[in-house]
Amino acid sequence: MTTDKQTLLQDLQRRLTELMRSSPAPDIERNLKALLGQTFDRLELVTRDEFDGYVELLGSLRARVAKLEQAIDALERPADAAARDQS
């Protein structure tokens, strides 16, 4: 009885191994990964780290623009006041 079970299990193992070798699953997986990789490249996606870096850069640039706008306003005020006085 034990020999029959062992033979059965060995036969099952052999058949499953053959099935996995002849299965198109690895080819499909490889092709799908390649297709997804190409699609992601075309979409020009960025990693989360890159995105976080861009968010930080954008925040600092917004702060810089706000300071520059304040400086421009401060420089324009005396010129506007002088122009009104001459009118």
C-alpha atoms as a PDB file:
ATOM      1  CA  MET A   1       0.000   0.000   0.000  1.00  0.00           C
ATOM      2  CA  THR A   2       2.795   2.412   0.859  1.00  0.00           C
ATOM      3  CA  THR A   3       4.502   1.697  -2.440  1.00  0.00           C
ATOM      4  CA  ASP A   4       1.300   2.465  -4.318  1.00  0.00           C
ATOM      5  CA  LYS A   5       0.958   5.794  -2.511  1.00  0.00           C
ATOM      6  CA  GLN A   6       4.582   6.646  -3.154  1.00  0.00           C
ATOM      7  CA  THR A   7       4.262   5.699  -6.789  1.00  0.00           C
ATOM      8  CA  LEU A   8       1.097   7.726  -7.077  1.00  0.00           C
ATOM      9  CA  LEU A   9       2.734  10.768  -5.466  1.00  0.00           C
ATOM     10  CA  GLN A  10       5.837  10.423  -7.645  1.00  0.00           C
ATOM     11  CA  ASP A  11       3.686  10.131 -10.742  1.00  0.00           C
ATOM     12  CA  LEU A  12       1.656  13.169  -9.690  1.00  0.00           C
ATOM     13  CA  GLN A  13       4.826  15.142  -9.036  1.00  0.00           C
ATOM     14  CA  ARG A  14       6.266  14.151 -12.417  1.00  0.00           C
ATOM     15  CA  ARG A  15       3.081  15.128 -14.232  1.00  0.00           C
ATOM     16  CA  LEU A  16       2.858  18.477 -12.444  1.00  0.00           C
ATOM     17  CA  THR A  17       6.492  19.209 -13.256  1.00  0.00           C
ATOM     18  CA  GLU A  18       5.880  18.399 -16.929  1.00  0.00           C
ATOM     19  CA  LEU A  19       2.757  20.522 -16.927  1.00  0.00           C
ATOM     20  CA  MET A  20       4.602  23.491 -15.448  1.00  0.00           C
ATOM     21  CA  ARG A  21       7.380  23.112 -18.024  1.00  0.00           C
ATOM     22  CA  SER A  22       4.957  23.013 -20.919  1.00  0.00           C
ATOM     23  CA  SER A  23       2.668  25.708 -19.511  1.00  0.00           C
ATOM     24  CA  PRO A  24       2.660  29.083 -21.264  1.00  0.00           C
ATOM     25  CA  ALA A  25       2.345  30.832 -17.869  1.00  0.00           C
ATOM     26  CA  PRO A  26       6.026  31.904 -17.640  1.00  0.00           C
ATOM     27  CA  ASP A  27       5.907  33.299 -21.195  1.00  0.00           C
ATOM     28  CA  ILE A  28       2.665  35.121 -20.481  1.00  0.00           C
ATOM     29  CA  GLU A  29       4.078  36.552 -17.255  1.00  0.00           C
ATOM     30  CA  ARG A  30       7.276  37.699 -18.982  1.00  0.00           C
ATOM     31  CA  ASN A  31       5.321  39.269 -21.866  1.00  0.00           C
ATOM     32  CA  LEU A  32       2.897  40.964 -19.497  1.00  0.00           C
ATOM     33  CA  LYS A  33       5.749  42.443 -17.446  1.00  0.00           C
ATOM     34  CA  ALA A  34       7.379  43.760 -20.628  1.00  0.00           C
ATOM     35  CA  LEU A  35       4.092  45.241 -21.825  1.00  0.00           C
ATOM     36  CA  LEU A  36       3.444  46.931 -18.487  1.00  0.00           C
ATOM     37  CA  GLY A  37       6.993  48.255 -18.376  1.00  0.00           C
ATOM     38  CA  GLN A  38       6.654  49.784 -21.840  1.00  0.00           C
ATOM     39  CA  THR A  39       3.283  51.290 -20.959  1.00  0.00           C
ATOM     40  CA  PHE A  40       4.634  52.829 -17.757  1.00  0.00           C
ATOM     41  CA  ASP A  41       7.611  54.239 -19.658  1.00  0.00           C
ATOM     42  CA  ARG A  42       5.269  55.883 -22.160  1.00  0.00           C
ATOM     43  CA  LEU A  43       3.219  57.391 -19.359  1.00  0.00           C
ATOM     44  CA  GLU A  44       6.390  58.995 -17.962  1.00  0.00           C
ATOM     45  CA  LEU A  45       5.512  58.003 -14.414  1.00  0.00           C
ATOM     46  CA  VAL A  46       7.747  59.020 -11.529  1.00  0.00           C
ATOM     47  CA  THR A  47       8.527  57.219  -8.325  1.00  0.00           C
ATOM     48  CA  ARG A  48       7.016  58.329  -5.028  1.00  0.00           C
ATOM     49  CA  ASP A  49      10.407  59.689  -3.948  1.00  0.00           C
ATOM     50  CA  GLU A  50      10.680  61.789  -7.115  1.00  0.00           C
ATOM     51  CA  PHE A  51       7.117  63.033  -6.641  1.00  0.00           C
ATOM     52  CA  ASP A  52       7.804  64.017  -3.025  1.00  0.00           C
ATOM     53  CA  GLY A  53      10.940  65.850  -4.173  1.00  0.00           C
ATOM     54  CA  TYR A  54       8.959  67.777  -6.777  1.00  0.00           C
ATOM     55  CA  VAL A  55       6.316  68.685  -4.190  1.00  0.00           C
ATOM     56  CA  GLU A  56       9.016  70.011  -1.873  1.00  0.00           C
ATOM     57  CA  LEU A  57      10.644  71.950  -4.715  1.00  0.00           C
ATOM     58  CA  LEU A  58       7.291  73.403  -5.754  1.00  0.00           C
ATOM     59  CA  GLY A  59       6.618  74.532  -2.179  1.00  0.00           C
ATOM     60  CA  SER A  60       9.964  76.314  -1.932  1.00  0.00           C
ATOM     61  CA  LEU A  61       9.462  77.924  -5.359  1.00  0.00           C
ATOM     62  CA  ARG A  62       6.018  79.183  -4.340  1.00  0.00           C
ATOM     63  CA  ALA A  63       7.516  80.744  -1.218  1.00  0.00           C
ATOM     64  CA  ARG A  64      10.253  82.342  -3.313  1.00  0.00           C
ATOM     65  CA  VAL A  65       7.730  83.737  -5.806  1.00  0.00           C
ATOM     66  CA  ALA A  66       5.670  85.189  -2.942  1.00  0.00           C
ATOM     67  CA  LYS A  67       8.781  86.959  -1.551  1.00  0.00           C
ATOM     68  CA  LEU A  68       9.664  88.294  -5.000  1.00  0.00           C
ATOM     69  CA  GLU A  69       6.107  89.590  -5.481  1.00  0.00           C
ATOM     70  CA  GLN A  70       6.334  91.388  -2.144  1.00  0.00           C
ATOM     71  CA  ALA A  71       9.680  92.909  -3.145  1.00  0.00           C
ATOM     72  CA  ILE A  72       8.241  94.070  -6.465  1.00  0.00           C
ATOM     73  CA  ASP A  73       5.225  95.593  -4.698  1.00  0.00           C
ATOM     74  CA  ALA A  74       7.542  97.400  -2.286  1.00  0.00           C
ATOM     75  CA  LEU A  75       9.564  98.789  -5.195  1.00  0.00           C
ATOM     76  CA  GLU A  76       6.459  99.823  -7.171  1.00  0.00           C
ATOM     77  CA  ARG A  77       4.754 101.680  -4.303  1.00  0.00           C
ATOM     78  CA  PRO A  78       7.176 104.646  -4.226  1.00  0.00           C
ATOM     79  CA  ALA A  79       7.100 104.885  -8.031  1.00  0.00           C
ATOM     80  CA  ASP A  80       3.273 104.862  -8.023  1.00  0.00           C
ATOM     81  CA  ALA A  81       3.156 107.477  -5.271  1.00  0.00           C
ATOM     82  CA  ALA A  82       5.619 109.719  -7.165  1.00  0.00           C
ATOM     83  CA  ALA A  83       3.570 109.390 -10.356  1.00  0.00           C
ATOM     84  CA  ARG A  84       0.376 110.407  -8.473  1.00  0.00           C
ATOM     85  CA  ASP A  85       2.116 113.392  -6.928  1.00  0.00           C
ATOM     86  CA  GLN A  86       3.203 114.684 -10.335  1.00  0.00           C
ATOM     87  CA  SER A  87      -0.320 114.422 -11.760  1.00  0.00           C
END
